[in-house]
């Protein structure tokens, strides 16, 4: 079951925008599996990090056309999840150390 949880959540997204959202809205940002639902994302974050989740918002990013010289190809589509922690919950550790 643990491997299924890590299949849903791929990696944290640590960017300026992600850190601003963390501080202002008590929200963490993850790259998740494209077919993951909001309920699966919520359960995975709660079990992995042992916190209560208040709300999950998702966004799908479509792959861009990229060129290198005369060769071209597309980046993969990917999905981002904004996970808002419940009031009073401690922020997830990876986000505190930045």
PDB file of N, CA and C in Angstrom:
ATOM      1  N   UNK A   1       0.821  -1.197   0.000  1.00  0.00           N
ATOM      2  CA  UNK A   1       0.000   0.000   0.000  1.00  0.00           C
ATOM      3  C   UNK A   1       0.867   1.264   0.000  1.00  0.00           C
ATOM      4  N   UNK A   2       2.043   1.194   0.642  1.00  0.00           N
ATOM      5  CA  UNK A   2       2.908   2.375   0.708  1.00  0.00           C
ATOM      6  C   UNK A   2       3.402   2.778  -0.677  1.00  0.00           C
ATOM      7  N   UNK A   3       3.684   1.794  -1.534  1.00  0.00           N
ATOM      8  CA  UNK A   3       4.159   2.143  -2.873  1.00  0.00           C
ATOM      9  C   UNK A   3       3.064   2.848  -3.663  1.00  0.00           C
ATOM     10  N   UNK A   4       1.802   2.509  -3.418  1.00  0.00           N
ATOM     11  CA  UNK A   4       0.681   3.167  -4.087  1.00  0.00           C
ATOM     12  C   UNK A   4       0.620   4.641  -3.690  1.00  0.00           C
ATOM     13  N   UNK A   5       0.889   4.941  -2.423  1.00  0.00           N
ATOM     14  CA  UNK A   5       0.873   6.330  -1.954  1.00  0.00           C
ATOM     15  C   UNK A   5       1.945   7.146  -2.663  1.00  0.00           C
ATOM     16  N   UNK A   6       3.121   6.560  -2.841  1.00  0.00           N
ATOM     17  CA  UNK A   6       4.211   7.280  -3.497  1.00  0.00           C
ATOM     18  C   UNK A   6       4.046   7.325  -5.010  1.00  0.00           C
ATOM     19  N   UNK A   7       3.155   6.486  -5.557  1.00  0.00           N
ATOM     20  CA  UNK A   7       2.819   6.603  -6.970  1.00  0.00           C
ATOM     21  C   UNK A   7       1.906   7.798  -7.214  1.00  0.00           C
ATOM     22  N   UNK A   8       1.075   8.123  -6.229  1.00  0.00           N
ATOM     23  CA  UNK A   8       0.163   9.266  -6.349  1.00  0.00           C
ATOM     24  C   UNK A   8       0.950  10.567  -6.248  1.00  0.00           C
ATOM     25  N   UNK A   9       1.786  10.700  -5.226  1.00  0.00           N
ATOM     26  CA  UNK A   9       2.586  11.918  -5.029  1.00  0.00           C
ATOM     27  C   UNK A   9       3.970  11.670  -5.599  1.00  0.00           C
ATOM     28  N   UNK A  10       4.324  12.403  -6.652  1.00  0.00           N
ATOM     29  CA  UNK A  10       5.602  12.189  -7.311  1.00  0.00           C
ATOM     30  C   UNK A  10       6.743  12.933  -6.605  1.00  0.00           C
ATOM     31  N   UNK A  11       6.563  14.254  -6.397  1.00  0.00           N
ATOM     32  CA  UNK A  11       7.620  15.048  -5.768  1.00  0.00           C
ATOM     33  C   UNK A  11       7.039  16.381  -5.321  1.00  0.00           C
ATOM     34  N   UNK A  12       7.658  17.011  -4.331  1.00  0.00           N
ATOM     35  CA  UNK A  12       7.236  18.370  -3.965  1.00  0.00           C
ATOM     36  C   UNK A  12       7.763  19.370  -4.988  1.00  0.00           C
ATOM     37  N   UNK A  13       7.029  20.440  -5.176  1.00  0.00           N
ATOM     38  CA  UNK A  13       7.462  21.498  -6.085  1.00  0.00           C
ATOM     39  C   UNK A  13       7.936  22.662  -5.230  1.00  0.00           C
ATOM     40  N   UNK A  14       9.233  22.940  -5.313  1.00  0.00           N
ATOM     41  CA  UNK A  14       9.844  23.977  -4.492  1.00  0.00           C
ATOM     42  C   UNK A  14      10.256  25.112  -5.419  1.00  0.00           C
ATOM     43  N   UNK A  15       9.380  26.105  -5.543  1.00  0.00           N
ATOM     44  CA  UNK A  15       9.633  27.278  -6.371  1.00  0.00           C
ATOM     45  C   UNK A  15       9.286  28.518  -5.552  1.00  0.00           C
ATOM     46  N   UNK A  16       9.571  29.683  -6.089  1.00  0.00           N
ATOM     47  CA  UNK A  16       9.218  30.915  -5.384  1.00  0.00           C
ATOM     48  C   UNK A  16       7.716  30.999  -5.158  1.00  0.00           C
ATOM     49  N   UNK A  17       6.949  30.654  -6.172  1.00  0.00           N
ATOM     50  CA  UNK A  17       5.494  30.695  -6.045  1.00  0.00           C
ATOM     51  C   UNK A  17       5.008  29.672  -5.011  1.00  0.00           C
ATOM     52  N   UNK A  18       5.593  28.481  -5.034  1.00  0.00           N
ATOM     53  CA  UNK A  18       5.215  27.456  -4.068  1.00  0.00           C
ATOM     54  C   UNK A  18       5.537  27.855  -2.640  1.00  0.00           C
ATOM     55  N   UNK A  19       6.671  28.504  -2.423  1.00  0.00           N
ATOM     56  CA  UNK A  19       7.036  28.946  -1.079  1.00  0.00           C
ATOM     57  C   UNK A  19       6.163  30.104  -0.613  1.00  0.00           C
ATOM     58  N   UNK A  20       5.760  30.982  -1.536  1.00  0.00           N
ATOM     59  CA  UNK A  20       4.870  32.084  -1.174  1.00  0.00           C
ATOM     60  C   UNK A  20       3.508  31.549  -0.752  1.00  0.00           C
ATOM     61  N   UNK A  21       3.004  30.570  -1.469  1.00  0.00           N
ATOM     62  CA  UNK A  21       1.718  29.958  -1.132  1.00  0.00           C
ATOM     63  C   UNK A  21       1.813  29.253   0.221  1.00  0.00           C
ATOM     64  N   UNK A  22       2.964  28.637   0.482  1.00  0.00           N
ATOM     65  CA  UNK A  22       3.168  27.941   1.762  1.00  0.00           C
ATOM     66  C   UNK A  22       3.058  28.902   2.927  1.00  0.00           C
ATOM     67  N   UNK A  23       3.685  30.047   2.810  1.00  0.00           N
ATOM     68  CA  UNK A  23       3.699  31.002   3.912  1.00  0.00           C
ATOM     69  C   UNK A  23       2.373  31.734   4.079  1.00  0.00           C
ATOM     70  N   UNK A  24       1.774  32.132   2.971  1.00  0.00           N
ATOM     71  CA  UNK A  24       0.562  32.951   3.053  1.00  0.00           C
ATOM     72  C   UNK A  24      -0.710  32.141   3.255  1.00  0.00           C
ATOM     73  N   UNK A  25      -0.796  30.955   2.644  1.00  0.00           N
ATOM     74  CA  UNK A  25      -2.043  30.199   2.669  1.00  0.00           C
ATOM     75  C   UNK A  25      -1.946  28.856   3.377  1.00  0.00           C
ATOM     76  N   UNK A  26      -0.801  28.542   3.992  1.00  0.00           N
ATOM     77  CA  UNK A  26      -0.603  27.271   4.713  1.00  0.00           C
ATOM     78  C   UNK A  26      -0.856  26.093   3.770  1.00  0.00           C
ATOM     79  N   UNK A  27      -0.267  26.191   2.563  1.00  0.00           N
ATOM     80  CA  UNK A  27      -0.504  25.229   1.490  1.00  0.00           C
ATOM     81  C   UNK A  27       0.824  24.713   0.958  1.00  0.00           C
ATOM     82  N   UNK A  28       0.876  23.415   0.646  1.00  0.00           N
ATOM     83  CA  UNK A  28       2.065  22.832   0.034  1.00  0.00           C
ATOM     84  C   UNK A  28       1.705  22.374  -1.383  1.00  0.00           C
ATOM     85  N   UNK A  29       2.722  22.309  -2.251  1.00  0.00           N
ATOM     86  CA  UNK A  29       2.493  22.024  -3.663  1.00  0.00           C
ATOM     87  C   UNK A  29       3.257  20.760  -4.047  1.00  0.00           C
ATOM     88  N   UNK A  30       2.575  19.850  -4.764  1.00  0.00           N
ATOM     89  CA  UNK A  30       3.173  18.596  -5.193  1.00  0.00           C
ATOM     90  C   UNK A  30       2.910  18.357  -6.670  1.00  0.00           C
ATOM     91  N   UNK A  31       3.838  17.652  -7.323  1.00  0.00           N
ATOM     92  CA  UNK A  31       3.548  17.082  -8.633  1.00  0.00           C
ATOM     93  C   UNK A  31       2.960  15.717  -8.355  1.00  0.00           C
ATOM     94  N   UNK A  32       1.812  15.432  -8.964  1.00  0.00           N
ATOM     95  CA  UNK A  32       1.103  14.184  -8.694  1.00  0.00           C
ATOM     96  C   UNK A  32       0.877  13.422  -9.998  1.00  0.00           C
ATOM     97  N   UNK A  33       0.428  12.190  -9.860  1.00  0.00           N
ATOM     98  CA  UNK A  33       0.125  11.373 -11.035  1.00  0.00           C
ATOM     99  C   UNK A  33      -1.024  12.006 -11.810  1.00  0.00           C
ATOM    100  N   UNK A  34      -0.958  11.992 -13.134  1.00  0.00           N
ATOM    101  CA  UNK A  34      -2.003  12.640 -13.935  1.00  0.00           C
ATOM    102  C   UNK A  34      -3.398  12.065 -13.736  1.00  0.00           C
ATOM    103  N   UNK A  35      -3.499  10.799 -13.354  1.00  0.00           N
ATOM    104  CA  UNK A  35      -4.815  10.192 -13.167  1.00  0.00           C
ATOM    105  C   UNK A  35      -5.262  10.175 -11.704  1.00  0.00           C
ATOM    106  N   UNK A  36      -4.518  10.823 -10.813  1.00  0.00           N
ATOM    107  CA  UNK A  36      -4.872  10.851  -9.387  1.00  0.00           C
ATOM    108  C   UNK A  36      -6.055  11.787  -9.144  1.00  0.00           C
ATOM    109  N   UNK A  37      -6.964  11.358  -8.281  1.00  0.00           N
ATOM    110  CA  UNK A  37      -8.111  12.189  -7.922  1.00  0.00           C
ATOM    111  C   UNK A  37      -7.782  13.000  -6.675  1.00  0.00           C
ATOM    112  N   UNK A  38      -8.618  13.990  -6.380  1.00  0.00           N
ATOM    113  CA  UNK A  38      -8.394  14.820  -5.201  1.00  0.00           C
ATOM    114  C   UNK A  38      -8.469  13.984  -3.924  1.00  0.00           C
ATOM    115  N   UNK A  39      -9.363  13.017  -3.881  1.00  0.00           N
ATOM    116  CA  UNK A  39      -9.496  12.150  -2.710  1.00  0.00           C
ATOM    117  C   UNK A  39      -8.245  11.303  -2.502  1.00  0.00           C
ATOM    118  N   UNK A  40      -7.693  10.752  -3.587  1.00  0.00           N
ATOM    119  CA  UNK A  40      -6.469   9.960  -3.479  1.00  0.00           C
ATOM    120  C   UNK A  40      -5.296  10.822  -3.024  1.00  0.00           C
ATOM    121  N   UNK A  41      -5.212  12.045  -3.531  1.00  0.00           N
ATOM    122  CA  UNK A  41      -4.131  12.954  -3.140  1.00  0.00           C
ATOM    123  C   UNK A  41      -4.250  13.281  -1.652  1.00  0.00           C
ATOM    124  N   UNK A  42      -5.449  13.573  -1.202  1.00  0.00           N
ATOM    125  CA  UNK A  42      -5.678  13.896   0.215  1.00  0.00           C
ATOM    126  C   UNK A  42      -5.278  12.736   1.111  1.00  0.00           C
ATOM    127  N   UNK A  43      -5.704  11.523   0.781  1.00  0.00           N
ATOM    128  CA  UNK A  43      -5.368  10.346   1.589  1.00  0.00           C
ATOM    129  C   UNK A  43      -3.864  10.091   1.598  1.00  0.00           C
ATOM    130  N   UNK A  44      -3.209  10.250   0.458  1.00  0.00           N
ATOM    131  CA  UNK A  44      -1.774  10.010   0.373  1.00  0.00           C
ATOM    132  C   UNK A  44      -0.997  10.999   1.243  1.00  0.00           C
ATOM    133  N   UNK A  45      -1.350  12.286   1.179  1.00  0.00           N
ATOM    134  CA  UNK A  45      -0.650  13.289   1.994  1.00  0.00           C
ATOM    135  C   UNK A  45      -0.896  13.034   3.475  1.00  0.00           C
ATOM    136  N   UNK A  46      -2.122  12.708   3.844  1.00  0.00           N
ATOM    137  CA  UNK A  46      -2.428  12.454   5.255  1.00  0.00           C
ATOM    138  C   UNK A  46      -1.666  11.250   5.792  1.00  0.00           C
ATOM    139  N   UNK A  47      -1.543  10.191   4.990  1.00  0.00           N
ATOM    140  CA  UNK A  47      -0.847   8.992   5.466  1.00  0.00           C
ATOM    141  C   UNK A  47       0.664   9.150   5.457  1.00  0.00           C
ATOM    142  N   UNK A  48       1.214   9.769   4.428  1.00  0.00           N
ATOM    143  CA  UNK A  48       2.670   9.895   4.345  1.00  0.00           C
ATOM    144  C   UNK A  48       3.204  10.880   5.382  1.00  0.00           C
ATOM    145  N   UNK A  49       2.588  12.054   5.482  1.00  0.00           N
ATOM    146  CA  UNK A  49       3.114  13.113   6.350  1.00  0.00           C
ATOM    147  C   UNK A  49       2.419  13.210   7.692  1.00  0.00           C
ATOM    148  N   UNK A  50       1.349  12.397   7.916  1.00  0.00           N
ATOM    149  CA  UNK A  50       0.615  12.364   9.189  1.00  0.00           C
ATOM    150  C   UNK A  50       0.099  13.750   9.594  1.00  0.00           C
ATOM    151  N   UNK A  51      -0.596  14.404   8.661  1.00  0.00           N
ATOM    152  CA  UNK A  51      -1.238  15.697   8.905  1.00  0.00           C
ATOM    153  C   UNK A  51      -2.675  15.620   8.414  1.00  0.00           C
ATOM    154  N   UNK A  52      -3.498  16.568   8.833  1.00  0.00           N
ATOM    155  CA  UNK A  52      -4.875  16.658   8.362  1.00  0.00           C
ATOM    156  C   UNK A  52      -4.924  17.642   7.200  1.00  0.00           C
ATOM    157  N   UNK A  53      -5.609  17.267   6.134  1.00  0.00           N
ATOM    158  CA  UNK A  53      -5.726  18.102   4.942  1.00  0.00           C
ATOM    159  C   UNK A  53      -7.108  18.739   4.923  1.00  0.00           C
ATOM    160  N   UNK A  54      -7.143  20.038   4.669  1.00  0.00           N
ATOM    161  CA  UNK A  54      -8.403  20.771   4.610  1.00  0.00           C
ATOM    162  C   UNK A  54      -8.973  20.774   3.203  1.00  0.00           C
ATOM    163  N   UNK A  55      -8.127  21.021   2.196  1.00  0.00           N
ATOM    164  CA  UNK A  55      -8.613  21.212   0.839  1.00  0.00           C
ATOM    165  C   UNK A  55      -7.527  20.837  -0.164  1.00  0.00           C
ATOM    166  N   UNK A  56      -7.935  20.317  -1.325  1.00  0.00           N
ATOM    167  CA  UNK A  56      -7.004  19.990  -2.409  1.00  0.00           C
ATOM    168  C   UNK A  56      -7.504  20.650  -3.684  1.00  0.00           C
ATOM    169  N   UNK A  57      -6.609  21.385  -4.351  1.00  0.00           N
ATOM    170  CA  UNK A  57      -6.905  21.964  -5.666  1.00  0.00           C
ATOM    171  C   UNK A  57      -5.897  21.391  -6.641  1.00  0.00           C
ATOM    172  N   UNK A  58      -6.338  21.136  -7.876  1.00  0.00           N
ATOM    173  CA  UNK A  58      -5.433  20.559  -8.864  1.00  0.00           C
ATOM    174  C   UNK A  58      -5.418  21.400 -10.127  1.00  0.00           C
ATOM    175  N   UNK A  59      -4.322  21.287 -10.870  1.00  0.00           N
ATOM    176  CA  UNK A  59      -4.179  21.963 -12.160  1.00  0.00           C
ATOM    177  C   UNK A  59      -3.414  21.033 -13.092  1.00  0.00           C
ATOM    178  N   UNK A  60      -3.873  20.948 -14.342  1.00  0.00           N
ATOM    179  CA  UNK A  60      -3.214  20.118 -15.338  1.00  0.00           C
ATOM    180  C   UNK A  60      -2.430  21.023 -16.278  1.00  0.00           C
ATOM    181  N   UNK A  61      -1.144  20.717 -16.454  1.00  0.00           N
ATOM    182  CA  UNK A  61      -0.280  21.469 -17.339  1.00  0.00           C
ATOM    183  C   UNK A  61       0.007  20.628 -18.570  1.00  0.00           C
ATOM    184  N   UNK A  62      -0.265  21.189 -19.730  1.00  0.00           N
ATOM    185  CA  UNK A  62      -0.052  20.468 -20.974  1.00  0.00           C
ATOM    186  C   UNK A  62       1.394  20.639 -21.429  1.00  0.00           C
ATOM    187  N   UNK A  63       1.947  19.574 -22.015  1.00  0.00           N
ATOM    188  CA  UNK A  63       3.335  19.583 -22.454  1.00  0.00           C
ATOM    189  C   UNK A  63       3.579  20.606 -23.551  1.00  0.00           C
ATOM    190  N   UNK A  64       4.757  21.202 -23.516  1.00  0.00           N
ATOM    191  CA  UNK A  64       5.118  22.219 -24.497  1.00  0.00           C
ATOM    192  C   UNK A  64       5.954  21.611 -25.607  1.00  0.00           C
ATOM    193  N   UNK A  65       5.892  22.226 -26.765  1.00  0.00           N
ATOM    194  CA  UNK A  65       6.769  21.860 -27.868  1.00  0.00           C
ATOM    195  C   UNK A  65       8.157  22.417 -27.561  1.00  0.00           C
ATOM    196  N   UNK A  66       9.163  21.577 -27.618  1.00  0.00           N
ATOM    197  CA  UNK A  66      10.540  21.995 -27.375  1.00  0.00           C
ATOM    198  C   UNK A  66      11.398  21.633 -28.564  1.00  0.00           C
ATOM    199  N   UNK A  67      12.330  22.532 -28.900  1.00  0.00           N
ATOM    200  CA  UNK A  67      13.238  22.297 -30.021  1.00  0.00           C
ATOM    201  C   UNK A  67      14.672  22.411 -29.552  1.00  0.00           C
ATOM    202  N   UNK A  68      15.512  21.589 -30.137  1.00  0.00           N
ATOM    203  CA  UNK A  68      16.954  21.697 -29.945  1.00  0.00           C
ATOM    204  C   UNK A  68      17.555  21.551 -31.331  1.00  0.00           C
ATOM    205  N   UNK A  69      17.911  22.681 -31.934  1.00  0.00           N
ATOM    206  CA  UNK A  69      18.374  22.657 -33.313  1.00  0.00           C
ATOM    207  C   UNK A  69      17.205  22.343 -34.237  1.00  0.00           C
ATOM    208  N   UNK A  70      17.367  21.325 -35.060  1.00  0.00           N
ATOM    209  CA  UNK A  70      16.254  20.963 -35.937  1.00  0.00           C
ATOM    210  C   UNK A  70      15.417  19.827 -35.374  1.00  0.00           C
ATOM    211  N   UNK A  71      15.811  19.292 -34.220  1.00  0.00           N
ATOM    212  CA  UNK A  71      15.032  18.232 -33.581  1.00  0.00           C
ATOM    213  C   UNK A  71      13.959  18.864 -32.702  1.00  0.00           C
ATOM    214  N   UNK A  72      12.785  18.292 -32.717  1.00  0.00           N
ATOM    215  CA  UNK A  72      11.714  18.828 -31.881  1.00  0.00           C
ATOM    216  C   UNK A  72      10.937  17.688 -31.254  1.00  0.00           C
ATOM    217  N   UNK A  73      10.299  18.000 -30.139  1.00  0.00           N
ATOM    218  CA  UNK A  73       9.489  17.017 -29.430  1.00  0.00           C
ATOM    219  C   UNK A  73       8.620  17.725 -28.410  1.00  0.00           C
ATOM    220  N   UNK A  74       7.795  16.961 -27.728  1.00  0.00           N
ATOM    221  CA  UNK A  74       6.900  17.512 -26.729  1.00  0.00           C
ATOM    222  C   UNK A  74       7.305  17.056 -25.336  1.00  0.00           C
ATOM    223  N   UNK A  75       7.193  17.964 -24.368  1.00  0.00           N
ATOM    224  CA  UNK A  75       7.322  17.566 -22.973  1.00  0.00           C
ATOM    225  C   UNK A  75       6.036  16.850 -22.572  1.00  0.00           C
ATOM    226  N   UNK A  76       6.101  16.055 -21.540  1.00  0.00           N
ATOM    227  CA  UNK A  76       4.928  15.323 -21.073  1.00  0.00           C
ATOM    228  C   UNK A  76       3.952  16.251 -20.367  1.00  0.00           C
ATOM    229  N   UNK A  77       2.659  15.897 -20.416  1.00  0.00           N
ATOM    230  CA  UNK A  77       1.667  16.581 -19.604  1.00  0.00           C
ATOM    231  C   UNK A  77       1.901  16.186 -18.146  1.00  0.00           C
ATOM    232  N   UNK A  78       1.571  17.093 -17.208  1.00  0.00           N
ATOM    233  CA  UNK A  78       1.730  16.771 -15.797  1.00  0.00           C
ATOM    234  C   UNK A  78       0.670  17.485 -14.976  1.00  0.00           C
ATOM    235  N   UNK A  79       0.509  17.049 -13.739  1.00  0.00           N
ATOM    236  CA  UNK A  79      -0.545  17.562 -12.872  1.00  0.00           C
ATOM    237  C   UNK A  79       0.064  18.081 -11.578  1.00  0.00           C
ATOM    238  N   UNK A  80      -0.417  19.240 -11.138  1.00  0.00           N
ATOM    239  CA  UNK A  80       0.053  19.882  -9.910  1.00  0.00           C
ATOM    240  C   UNK A  80      -1.099  19.906  -8.910  1.00  0.00           C
ATOM    241  N   UNK A  81      -0.787  19.668  -7.639  1.00  0.00           N
ATOM    242  CA  UNK A  81      -1.802  19.699  -6.585  1.00  0.00           C
ATOM    243  C   UNK A  81      -1.398  20.692  -5.508  1.00  0.00           C
ATOM    244  N   UNK A  82      -2.325  21.576  -5.166  1.00  0.00           N
ATOM    245  CA  UNK A  82      -2.151  22.500  -4.048  1.00  0.00           C
ATOM    246  C   UNK A  82      -2.906  21.904  -2.866  1.00  0.00           C
ATOM    247  N   UNK A  83      -2.184  21.531  -1.811  1.00  0.00           N
ATOM    248  CA  UNK A  83      -2.775  20.857  -0.661  1.00  0.00           C
ATOM    249  C   UNK A  83      -2.765  21.814   0.529  1.00  0.00           C
ATOM    250  N   UNK A  84      -3.962  22.255   0.934  1.00  0.00           N
ATOM    251  CA  UNK A  84      -4.086  23.170   2.070  1.00  0.00           C
ATOM    252  C   UNK A  84      -4.251  22.346   3.336  1.00  0.00           C
ATOM    253  N   UNK A  85      -3.379  22.600   4.306  1.00  0.00           N
ATOM    254  CA  UNK A  85      -3.439  21.871   5.566  1.00  0.00           C
ATOM    255  C   UNK A  85      -4.509  22.475   6.464  1.00  0.00           C
ATOM    256  N   UNK A  86      -5.049  21.636   7.346  1.00  0.00           N
ATOM    257  CA  UNK A  86      -6.087  22.081   8.270  1.00  0.00           C
ATOM    258  C   UNK A  86      -5.508  23.104   9.242  1.00  0.00           C
ATOM    259  N   UNK A  87      -6.342  24.018   9.760  1.00  0.00           N
ATOM    260  CA  UNK A  87      -5.853  25.009  10.730  1.00  0.00           C
ATOM    261  C   UNK A  87      -5.261  24.314  11.964  1.00  0.00           C
ATOM    262  N   UNK A  88      -4.118  24.811  12.401  1.00  0.00           N
ATOM    263  CA  UNK A  88      -3.457  24.249  13.575  1.00  0.00           C
ATOM    264  C   UNK A  88      -2.482  23.129  13.264  1.00  0.00           C
ATOM    265  N   UNK A  89      -2.453  22.660  12.033  1.00  0.00           N
ATOM    266  CA  UNK A  89      -1.518  21.592  11.656  1.00  0.00           C
ATOM    267  C   UNK A  89      -0.121  22.166  11.444  1.00  0.00           C
ATOM    268  N   UNK A  90       0.882  21.379  11.827  1.00  0.00           N
ATOM    269  CA  UNK A  90       2.266  21.777  11.627  1.00  0.00           C
ATOM    270  C   UNK A  90       2.630  21.621  10.148  1.00  0.00           C
ATOM    271  N   UNK A  91       3.405  22.558   9.613  1.00  0.00           N
ATOM    272  CA  UNK A  91       3.813  22.513   8.207  1.00  0.00           C
ATOM    273  C   UNK A  91       4.696  21.300   7.973  1.00  0.00           C
ATOM    274  N   UNK A  92       4.597  20.701   6.807  1.00  0.00           N
ATOM    275  CA  UNK A  92       5.368  19.515   6.438  1.00  0.00           C
ATOM    276  C   UNK A  92       6.841  19.860   6.466  1.00  0.00           C
ATOM    277  N   UNK A  93       7.689  18.942   6.928  1.00  0.00           N
ATOM    278  CA  UNK A  93       9.107  19.211   7.206  1.00  0.00           C
ATOM    279  C   UNK A  93       9.910  19.710   6.024  1.00  0.00           C
ATOM    280  N   UNK A  94       9.719  19.146   4.834  1.00  0.00           N
ATOM    281  CA  UNK A  94      10.569  19.571   3.722  1.00  0.00           C
ATOM    282  C   UNK A  94      10.396  21.051   3.430  1.00  0.00           C
ATOM    283  N   UNK A  95       9.220  21.610   3.716  1.00  0.00           N
ATOM    284  CA  UNK A  95       8.958  22.997   3.419  1.00  0.00           C
ATOM    285  C   UNK A  95       9.482  23.939   4.509  1.00  0.00           C
ATOM    286  N   UNK A  96       9.728  23.438   5.711  1.00  0.00           N
ATOM    287  CA  UNK A  96      10.225  24.287   6.788  1.00  0.00           C
ATOM    288  C   UNK A  96      11.705  24.621   6.620  1.00  0.00           C
ATOM    289  N   UNK A  97      12.463  23.726   6.019  1.00  0.00           N
ATOM    290  CA  UNK A  97      13.915  23.865   5.963  1.00  0.00           C
ATOM    291  C   UNK A  97      14.399  24.818   4.884  1.00  0.00           C
ATOM    292  N   UNK A  98      13.506  25.420   4.147  1.00  0.00           N
ATOM    293  CA  UNK A  98      13.929  26.289   3.040  1.00  0.00           C
ATOM    294  C   UNK A  98      14.007  27.729   3.456  1.00  0.00           C
TER     295      UNK A  98
END
